[in-house]
Amino acid sequence: MRLRTTLAQGRYHYSCDGRAMPVQDSWQLGEDTEGHRIVISRRLVGEEGFGMEVCARFCEGLVSDFRIRWRDQVGEENARYRLCHDAGQKPRLGDPIAVDWTGPNGPQSASVEGAGRLLFPLMRIFMGPLLLKLETFREGLEVVSPDIVDPSQRGKLLAPRVSHRSARPLAGDAATQGAQELGDNVCGYIYQGEEAERDAHCYVDERGLLVGYDWPSSTGRLWQVRLRDLEWSPKLLRLV
């Protein structure tokens, strides 16, 4: 998956209790030679640039295929996730998910099946489409994503992890304040994700872009993510 043209790009700025964090989170959106919409996103930490890179393809509003590369002081691991559908058919929610990843014992593979399971490549740029999809399912959805909970467990690193996620519209003062800070036509959501991100407040604009993300840590610190340095082609109406 390589970009033939770039239609948008930006980066996410991280802060904790108002102090900037050394996280480099950038992304590019474009099309490949076949006209598929492609997103490349990198999240790196520290001077060594350890972290992960994702290259994903969108189809019918869903992430249909992505590759992820993880690199840290121990080494590098890779994985590929893809929806499996019949030839000539378009991807849809509930398609079986095929996973191939590296591990300490060599190449691994798995098939994850089940109705209502959504493919999610973890990076912030994919949060907007995820939230918009979750909004239409009041009870939430099961999300399949690479496991990065404990990178020291190399046998589990990038293996498929299934978790339940949900989102509902944010109301009241928090919604008003978020909209005023982050611009016009911004919708706020209360997001229930992983344990570390319970009751996060997320803000998505009319293009389907995540523009803000606030969550309290278990130690009471307030983490915030904001979209910065956005470049957006006038030819592009929405992210997906």
C-alpha atoms as a PDB file:
ATOM      1  CA  MET A   1       0.000   0.000   0.000  1.00  0.00           C
ATOM      2  CA  ARG A   2       1.648   3.163  -1.271  1.00  0.00           C
ATOM      3  CA  LEU A   3       0.268   6.664  -1.719  1.00  0.00           C
ATOM      4  CA  ARG A   4      -0.011   7.928  -5.288  1.00  0.00           C
ATOM      5  CA  THR A   5      -1.430  11.271  -4.196  1.00  0.00           C
ATOM      6  CA  THR A   6      -1.697  13.042  -0.832  1.00  0.00           C
ATOM      7  CA  LEU A   7      -5.050  14.653  -0.052  1.00  0.00           C
ATOM      8  CA  ALA A   8      -4.586  15.558   3.619  1.00  0.00           C
ATOM      9  CA  GLN A   9      -2.068  15.399   6.422  1.00  0.00           C
ATOM     10  CA  GLY A  10      -1.643  16.533  10.006  1.00  0.00           C
ATOM     11  CA  ARG A  11      -0.315  15.627  13.414  1.00  0.00           C
ATOM     12  CA  TYR A  12      -1.652  15.125  16.923  1.00  0.00           C
ATOM     13  CA  HIS A  13      -0.182  17.063  19.859  1.00  0.00           C
ATOM     14  CA  TYR A  14      -0.161  15.318  23.264  1.00  0.00           C
ATOM     15  CA  SER A  15      -0.147  16.984  26.670  1.00  0.00           C
ATOM     16  CA  CYS A  16      -0.513  15.830  30.276  1.00  0.00           C
ATOM     17  CA  ASP A  17      -1.823  18.354  32.818  1.00  0.00           C
ATOM     18  CA  GLY A  18      -0.993  21.052  30.290  1.00  0.00           C
ATOM     19  CA  ARG A  19       2.622  19.941  29.744  1.00  0.00           C
ATOM     20  CA  ALA A  20       3.661  18.879  26.232  1.00  0.00           C
ATOM     21  CA  MET A  21       4.616  15.222  25.901  1.00  0.00           C
ATOM     22  CA  PRO A  22       7.411  13.886  23.607  1.00  0.00           C
ATOM     23  CA  VAL A  23       5.031  12.072  21.251  1.00  0.00           C
ATOM     24  CA  GLN A  24       5.272  12.431  17.475  1.00  0.00           C
ATOM     25  CA  ASP A  25       1.929  11.407  15.985  1.00  0.00           C
ATOM     26  CA  SER A  26       1.626  12.267  12.282  1.00  0.00           C
ATOM     27  CA  TRP A  27      -0.560  10.995   9.438  1.00  0.00           C
ATOM     28  CA  GLN A  28      -1.143  11.246   5.702  1.00  0.00           C
ATOM     29  CA  LEU A  29      -4.286  10.495   3.718  1.00  0.00           C
ATOM     30  CA  GLY A  30      -4.294   9.822  -0.008  1.00  0.00           C
ATOM     31  CA  GLU A  31      -5.024   7.309  -2.732  1.00  0.00           C
ATOM     32  CA  ASP A  32      -3.044   4.424  -4.162  1.00  0.00           C
ATOM     33  CA  THR A  33      -2.639   3.584  -7.845  1.00  0.00           C
ATOM     34  CA  GLU A  34      -5.990   1.738  -7.828  1.00  0.00           C
ATOM     35  CA  GLY A  35      -7.906   4.670  -6.328  1.00  0.00           C
ATOM     36  CA  HIS A  36      -8.291   3.139  -2.850  1.00  0.00           C
ATOM     37  CA  ARG A  37      -8.174   5.547   0.074  1.00  0.00           C
ATOM     38  CA  ILE A  38      -5.049   4.960   2.139  1.00  0.00           C
ATOM     39  CA  VAL A  39      -3.976   6.329   5.530  1.00  0.00           C
ATOM     40  CA  ILE A  40      -0.390   6.152   6.802  1.00  0.00           C
ATOM     41  CA  SER A  41       0.089   7.044  10.458  1.00  0.00           C
ATOM     42  CA  ARG A  42       3.147   7.014  12.742  1.00  0.00           C
ATOM     43  CA  ARG A  43       3.299   7.424  16.511  1.00  0.00           C
ATOM     44  CA  LEU A  44       6.852   7.658  17.821  1.00  0.00           C
ATOM     45  CA  VAL A  45       8.167   8.457  21.295  1.00  0.00           C
ATOM     46  CA  GLY A  46      11.532   9.802  22.481  1.00  0.00           C
ATOM     47  CA  GLU A  47      14.763  10.536  20.684  1.00  0.00           C
ATOM     48  CA  GLU A  48      15.152   6.960  19.432  1.00  0.00           C
ATOM     49  CA  GLY A  49      11.833   7.167  17.619  1.00  0.00           C
ATOM     50  CA  PHE A  50      10.462   3.950  19.062  1.00  0.00           C
ATOM     51  CA  GLY A  51       6.789   3.307  18.400  1.00  0.00           C
ATOM     52  CA  MET A  52       4.544   2.086  15.621  1.00  0.00           C
ATOM     53  CA  GLU A  53       3.524   2.740  12.042  1.00  0.00           C
ATOM     54  CA  VAL A  54       0.238   1.767  10.398  1.00  0.00           C
ATOM     55  CA  CYS A  55      -0.706   1.710   6.724  1.00  0.00           C
ATOM     56  CA  ALA A  56      -4.438   1.098   6.233  1.00  0.00           C
ATOM     57  CA  ARG A  57      -6.936   0.878   3.378  1.00  0.00           C
ATOM     58  CA  PHE A  58     -10.517   2.143   3.676  1.00  0.00           C
ATOM     59  CA  CYS A  59     -13.422   0.684   1.703  1.00  0.00           C
ATOM     60  CA  GLU A  60     -17.144   1.290   2.208  1.00  0.00           C
ATOM     61  CA  GLY A  61     -16.353   3.369   5.303  1.00  0.00           C
ATOM     62  CA  LEU A  62     -14.525   0.478   6.967  1.00  0.00           C
ATOM     63  CA  VAL A  63     -10.859  -0.265   7.502  1.00  0.00           C
ATOM     64  CA  SER A  64     -10.586  -3.281   5.219  1.00  0.00           C
ATOM     65  CA  ASP A  65      -6.857  -4.018   5.445  1.00  0.00           C
ATOM     66  CA  PHE A  66      -3.901  -2.699   7.433  1.00  0.00           C
ATOM     67  CA  ARG A  67      -0.280  -3.433   8.225  1.00  0.00           C
ATOM     68  CA  ILE A  68       1.352  -2.418  11.500  1.00  0.00           C
ATOM     69  CA  ARG A  69       5.016  -2.247  12.421  1.00  0.00           C
ATOM     70  CA  TRP A  70       6.164  -2.018  16.043  1.00  0.00           C
ATOM     71  CA  ARG A  71       9.745  -1.070  16.918  1.00  0.00           C
ATOM     72  CA  ASP A  72      11.316  -0.764  20.376  1.00  0.00           C
ATOM     73  CA  GLN A  73      14.636  -1.423  22.128  1.00  0.00           C
ATOM     74  CA  VAL A  74      14.043  -5.179  21.922  1.00  0.00           C
ATOM     75  CA  GLY A  75      13.459  -5.311  18.186  1.00  0.00           C
ATOM     76  CA  GLU A  76      10.791  -5.064  15.505  1.00  0.00           C
ATOM     77  CA  GLU A  77       7.482  -6.890  15.071  1.00  0.00           C
ATOM     78  CA  ASN A  78       4.996  -6.779  12.187  1.00  0.00           C
ATOM     79  CA  ALA A  79       1.394  -7.784  11.584  1.00  0.00           C
ATOM     80  CA  ARG A  80      -1.276  -7.645   8.918  1.00  0.00           C
ATOM     81  CA  TYR A  81      -5.045  -7.544   9.521  1.00  0.00           C
ATOM     82  CA  ARG A  82      -7.633  -7.826   6.741  1.00  0.00           C
ATOM     83  CA  LEU A  83     -11.329  -8.421   6.193  1.00  0.00           C
ATOM     84  CA  CYS A  84     -12.035 -11.602   4.247  1.00  0.00           C
ATOM     85  CA  HIS A  85     -14.905 -11.323   1.768  1.00  0.00           C
ATOM     86  CA  ASP A  86     -15.898 -13.149  -1.400  1.00  0.00           C
ATOM     87  CA  ALA A  87     -14.409 -12.047  -4.695  1.00  0.00           C
ATOM     88  CA  GLY A  88     -16.471  -9.278  -6.242  1.00  0.00           C
ATOM     89  CA  GLN A  89     -18.127  -8.439  -2.924  1.00  0.00           C
ATOM     90  CA  LYS A  90     -17.533  -5.275  -0.917  1.00  0.00           C
ATOM     91  CA  PRO A  91     -16.237  -5.432   2.677  1.00  0.00           C
ATOM     92  CA  ARG A  92     -18.902  -5.261   5.364  1.00  0.00           C
ATOM     93  CA  LEU A  93     -19.170  -5.267   9.117  1.00  0.00           C
ATOM     94  CA  GLY A  94     -19.009  -8.849  10.361  1.00  0.00           C
ATOM     95  CA  ASP A  95     -16.649 -10.221   7.703  1.00  0.00           C
ATOM     96  CA  PRO A  96     -14.108 -12.711   9.130  1.00  0.00           C
ATOM     97  CA  ILE A  97     -10.784 -11.081   9.989  1.00  0.00           C
ATOM     98  CA  ALA A  98      -7.528 -12.777   8.981  1.00  0.00           C
ATOM     99  CA  VAL A  99      -4.437 -11.912  11.025  1.00  0.00           C
ATOM    100  CA  ASP A 100      -0.774 -12.711  10.407  1.00  0.00           C
ATOM    101  CA  TRP A 101       1.920 -11.538  12.816  1.00  0.00           C
ATOM    102  CA  THR A 102       5.481 -12.242  13.852  1.00  0.00           C
ATOM    103  CA  GLY A 103       6.283 -13.711  17.222  1.00  0.00           C
ATOM    104  CA  PRO A 104       9.159 -15.181  19.242  1.00  0.00           C
ATOM    105  CA  ASN A 105       8.309 -18.637  17.879  1.00  0.00           C
ATOM    106  CA  GLY A 106       8.047 -17.554  14.246  1.00  0.00           C
ATOM    107  CA  PRO A 107       5.118 -16.488  12.033  1.00  0.00           C
ATOM    108  CA  GLN A 108       1.656 -16.755  13.579  1.00  0.00           C
ATOM    109  CA  SER A 109      -1.832 -16.598  12.068  1.00  0.00           C
ATOM    110  CA  ALA A 110      -5.425 -16.491  13.275  1.00  0.00           C
ATOM    111  CA  SER A 111      -8.967 -15.979  12.033  1.00  0.00           C
ATOM    112  CA  VAL A 112     -11.350 -13.860  14.109  1.00  0.00           C
ATOM    113  CA  GLU A 113     -15.032 -14.317  13.339  1.00  0.00           C
ATOM    114  CA  GLY A 114     -18.256 -12.970  14.784  1.00  0.00           C
ATOM    115  CA  ALA A 115     -21.032 -10.605  13.794  1.00  0.00           C
ATOM    116  CA  GLY A 116     -20.507  -6.931  14.564  1.00  0.00           C
ATOM    117  CA  ARG A 117     -16.746  -6.994  14.981  1.00  0.00           C
ATOM    118  CA  LEU A 118     -14.964  -3.894  13.729  1.00  0.00           C
ATOM    119  CA  LEU A 119     -11.347  -3.660  12.593  1.00  0.00           C
ATOM    120  CA  PHE A 120      -9.466  -0.823  14.368  1.00  0.00           C
ATOM    121  CA  PRO A 121      -5.757   0.007  13.807  1.00  0.00           C
ATOM    122  CA  LEU A 122      -5.323   1.870  17.145  1.00  0.00           C
ATOM    123  CA  MET A 123      -3.955   5.198  15.845  1.00  0.00           C
ATOM    124  CA  ARG A 124      -5.734   8.493  16.630  1.00  0.00           C
ATOM    125  CA  ILE A 125      -6.552   9.301  13.001  1.00  0.00           C
ATOM    126  CA  PHE A 126      -8.810   6.213  12.912  1.00  0.00           C
ATOM    127  CA  MET A 127     -10.777   7.346  15.971  1.00  0.00           C
ATOM    128  CA  GLY A 128     -13.136   9.632  14.041  1.00  0.00           C
ATOM    129  CA  PRO A 129     -14.532   6.871  11.785  1.00  0.00           C
ATOM    130  CA  LEU A 130     -14.656   4.512  14.782  1.00  0.00           C
ATOM    131  CA  LEU A 131     -16.735   6.952  16.858  1.00  0.00           C
ATOM    132  CA  LEU A 132     -19.141   7.675  13.999  1.00  0.00           C
ATOM    133  CA  LYS A 133     -19.669   3.943  13.511  1.00  0.00           C
ATOM    134  CA  LEU A 134     -20.141   3.317  17.241  1.00  0.00           C
ATOM    135  CA  GLU A 135     -22.729   6.102  17.443  1.00  0.00           C
ATOM    136  CA  THR A 136     -25.075   4.070  15.232  1.00  0.00           C
ATOM    137  CA  PHE A 137     -24.817   1.036  17.539  1.00  0.00           C
ATOM    138  CA  ARG A 138     -26.222   2.031  20.934  1.00  0.00           C
ATOM    139  CA  GLU A 139     -24.997  -1.139  22.645  1.00  0.00           C
ATOM    140  CA  GLY A 140     -21.506  -0.733  21.198  1.00  0.00           C
ATOM    141  CA  LEU A 141     -19.422  -3.119  19.129  1.00  0.00           C
ATOM    142  CA  GLU A 142     -16.633  -5.591  19.601  1.00  0.00           C
ATOM    143  CA  VAL A 143     -13.434  -4.140  18.168  1.00  0.00           C
ATOM    144  CA  VAL A 144     -10.481  -6.191  16.904  1.00  0.00           C
ATOM    145  CA  SER A 145      -7.089  -4.500  17.176  1.00  0.00           C
ATOM    146  CA  PRO A 146      -3.415  -5.434  17.696  1.00  0.00           C
ATOM    147  CA  ASP A 147      -2.427  -6.125  21.295  1.00  0.00           C
ATOM    148  CA  ILE A 148       0.092  -3.563  22.604  1.00  0.00           C
ATOM    149  CA  VAL A 149      -0.992  -3.687  26.272  1.00  0.00           C
ATOM    150  CA  ASP A 150       2.306  -5.177  27.473  1.00  0.00           C
ATOM    151  CA  PRO A 151       5.066  -5.076  24.815  1.00  0.00           C
ATOM    152  CA  SER A 152       7.336  -7.150  27.058  1.00  0.00           C
ATOM    153  CA  GLN A 153       5.055 -10.130  26.362  1.00  0.00           C
ATOM    154  CA  ARG A 154       6.444 -10.717  22.872  1.00  0.00           C
ATOM    155  CA  GLY A 155       4.201 -13.708  22.259  1.00  0.00           C
ATOM    156  CA  LYS A 156       1.117 -11.463  22.521  1.00  0.00           C
ATOM    157  CA  LEU A 157       2.516  -8.323  20.901  1.00  0.00           C
ATOM    158  CA  LEU A 158       0.393  -7.401  17.822  1.00  0.00           C
ATOM    159  CA  ALA A 159      -1.749 -10.536  18.234  1.00  0.00           C
ATOM    160  CA  PRO A 160      -5.508  -9.932  17.797  1.00  0.00           C
ATOM    161  CA  ARG A 161      -7.246  -8.486  20.836  1.00  0.00           C
ATOM    162  CA  VAL A 162     -11.037  -8.242  21.062  1.00  0.00           C
ATOM    163  CA  SER A 163     -12.569  -5.545  23.277  1.00  0.00           C
ATOM    164  CA  HIS A 164     -15.950  -3.880  23.611  1.00  0.00           C
ATOM    165  CA  ARG A 165     -16.200  -0.191  22.714  1.00  0.00           C
ATOM    166  CA  SER A 166     -19.115   2.227  22.783  1.00  0.00           C
ATOM    167  CA  ALA A 167     -19.787   5.931  22.259  1.00  0.00           C
ATOM    168  CA  ARG A 168     -22.674   8.259  22.949  1.00  0.00           C
ATOM    169  CA  PRO A 169     -23.140  11.974  22.201  1.00  0.00           C
ATOM    170  CA  LEU A 170     -21.764  14.377  24.768  1.00  0.00           C
ATOM    171  CA  ALA A 171     -24.289  16.858  26.170  1.00  0.00           C
ATOM    172  CA  GLY A 172     -24.263  19.881  28.458  1.00  0.00           C
ATOM    173  CA  ASP A 173     -21.391  22.206  29.296  1.00  0.00           C
ATOM    174  CA  ALA A 174     -18.670  19.783  28.192  1.00  0.00           C
ATOM    175  CA  ALA A 175     -20.137  19.605  24.683  1.00  0.00           C
ATOM    176  CA  THR A 176     -20.513  23.379  24.441  1.00  0.00           C
ATOM    177  CA  GLN A 177     -17.023  24.076  25.751  1.00  0.00           C
ATOM    178  CA  GLY A 178     -15.460  21.535  23.406  1.00  0.00           C
ATOM    179  CA  ALA A 179     -17.249  22.950  20.392  1.00  0.00           C
ATOM    180  CA  GLN A 180     -16.186  26.494  21.255  1.00  0.00           C
ATOM    181  CA  GLU A 181     -12.549  25.487  21.683  1.00  0.00           C
ATOM    182  CA  LEU A 182     -12.203  23.194  18.679  1.00  0.00           C
ATOM    183  CA  GLY A 183     -14.238  24.995  16.015  1.00  0.00           C
ATOM    184  CA  ASP A 184     -17.565  24.941  14.245  1.00  0.00           C
ATOM    185  CA  ASN A 185     -19.516  21.784  13.436  1.00  0.00           C
ATOM    186  CA  VAL A 186     -17.781  19.714  16.098  1.00  0.00           C
ATOM    187  CA  CYS A 187     -19.617  16.870  17.858  1.00  0.00           C
ATOM    188  CA  GLY A 188     -18.550  15.540  21.242  1.00  0.00           C
ATOM    189  CA  TYR A 189     -18.748  11.920  22.402  1.00  0.00           C
ATOM    190  CA  ILE A 190     -18.277  10.024  25.628  1.00  0.00           C
ATOM    191  CA  TYR A 191     -16.107   7.091  24.635  1.00  0.00           C
ATOM    192  CA  GLN A 192     -15.821   3.832  26.524  1.00  0.00           C
ATOM    193  CA  GLY A 193     -12.641   2.120  25.383  1.00  0.00           C
ATOM    194  CA  GLU A 194      -9.777   0.300  27.045  1.00  0.00           C
ATOM    195  CA  GLU A 195      -9.344   0.439  30.823  1.00  0.00           C
ATOM    196  CA  ALA A 196      -6.866   3.311  30.512  1.00  0.00           C
ATOM    197  CA  GLU A 197      -9.345   5.423  28.537  1.00  0.00           C
ATOM    198  CA  ARG A 198     -12.655   5.059  30.326  1.00  0.00           C
ATOM    199  CA  ASP A 199     -15.096   7.977  29.945  1.00  0.00           C
ATOM    200  CA  ALA A 200     -12.873   9.807  27.467  1.00  0.00           C
ATOM    201  CA  HIS A 201     -14.325  12.909  25.832  1.00  0.00           C
ATOM    202  CA  CYS A 202     -13.736  12.871  22.067  1.00  0.00           C
ATOM    203  CA  TYR A 203     -14.507  15.568  19.511  1.00  0.00           C
ATOM    204  CA  VAL A 204     -15.092  14.919  15.803  1.00  0.00           C
ATOM    205  CA  ASP A 205     -15.689  17.511  13.074  1.00  0.00           C
ATOM    206  CA  GLU A 206     -17.987  17.320  10.040  1.00  0.00           C
ATOM    207  CA  ARG A 207     -15.222  15.689   7.961  1.00  0.00           C
ATOM    208  CA  GLY A 208     -14.995  12.735  10.340  1.00  0.00           C
ATOM    209  CA  LEU A 209     -11.684  13.939  11.796  1.00  0.00           C
ATOM    210  CA  LEU A 210     -10.837  13.477  15.449  1.00  0.00           C
ATOM    211  CA  VAL A 211      -9.886  17.024  16.513  1.00  0.00           C
ATOM    212  CA  GLY A 212      -9.730  16.572  20.281  1.00  0.00           C
ATOM    213  CA  TYR A 213      -9.439  13.764  22.817  1.00  0.00           C
ATOM    214  CA  ASP A 214      -9.421  14.154  26.634  1.00  0.00           C
ATOM    215  CA  TRP A 215      -9.125  11.373  29.172  1.00  0.00           C
ATOM    216  CA  PRO A 216      -8.261  11.178  32.893  1.00  0.00           C
ATOM    217  CA  SER A 217      -5.600   8.652  33.853  1.00  0.00           C
ATOM    218  CA  SER A 218      -5.962   6.294  36.819  1.00  0.00           C
ATOM    219  CA  THR A 219      -3.627   8.617  38.756  1.00  0.00           C
ATOM    220  CA  GLY A 220      -5.863  11.640  38.187  1.00  0.00           C
ATOM    221  CA  ARG A 221      -3.789  13.283  35.448  1.00  0.00           C
ATOM    222  CA  LEU A 222      -5.578  14.810  32.473  1.00  0.00           C
ATOM    223  CA  TRP A 223      -4.266  13.711  29.101  1.00  0.00           C
ATOM    224  CA  GLN A 224      -5.246  15.711  26.033  1.00  0.00           C
ATOM    225  CA  VAL A 225      -4.738  15.228  22.303  1.00  0.00           C
ATOM    226  CA  ARG A 226      -5.298  18.005  19.754  1.00  0.00           C
ATOM    227  CA  LEU A 227      -5.120  17.986  15.966  1.00  0.00           C
ATOM    228  CA  ARG A 228      -2.465  20.387  14.649  1.00  0.00           C
ATOM    229  CA  ASP A 229      -0.851  21.441  11.334  1.00  0.00           C
ATOM    230  CA  LEU A 230      -3.796  20.237   9.269  1.00  0.00           C
ATOM    231  CA  GLU A 231      -3.493  20.419   5.479  1.00  0.00           C
ATOM    232  CA  TRP A 232      -6.689  19.469   3.643  1.00  0.00           C
ATOM    233  CA  SER A 233      -7.339  19.333  -0.106  1.00  0.00           C
ATOM    234  CA  PRO A 234     -10.481  21.199  -1.274  1.00  0.00           C
ATOM    235  CA  LYS A 235     -11.241  18.089  -3.379  1.00  0.00           C
ATOM    236  CA  LEU A 236     -11.729  16.056  -0.214  1.00  0.00           C
ATOM    237  CA  LEU A 237     -15.094  16.201   1.573  1.00  0.00           C
ATOM    238  CA  ARG A 238     -14.633  13.598   4.301  1.00  0.00           C
ATOM    239  CA  LEU A 239     -11.937  11.405   5.791  1.00  0.00           C
ATOM    240  CA  VAL A 240     -13.685   8.243   4.523  1.00  0.00           C
END
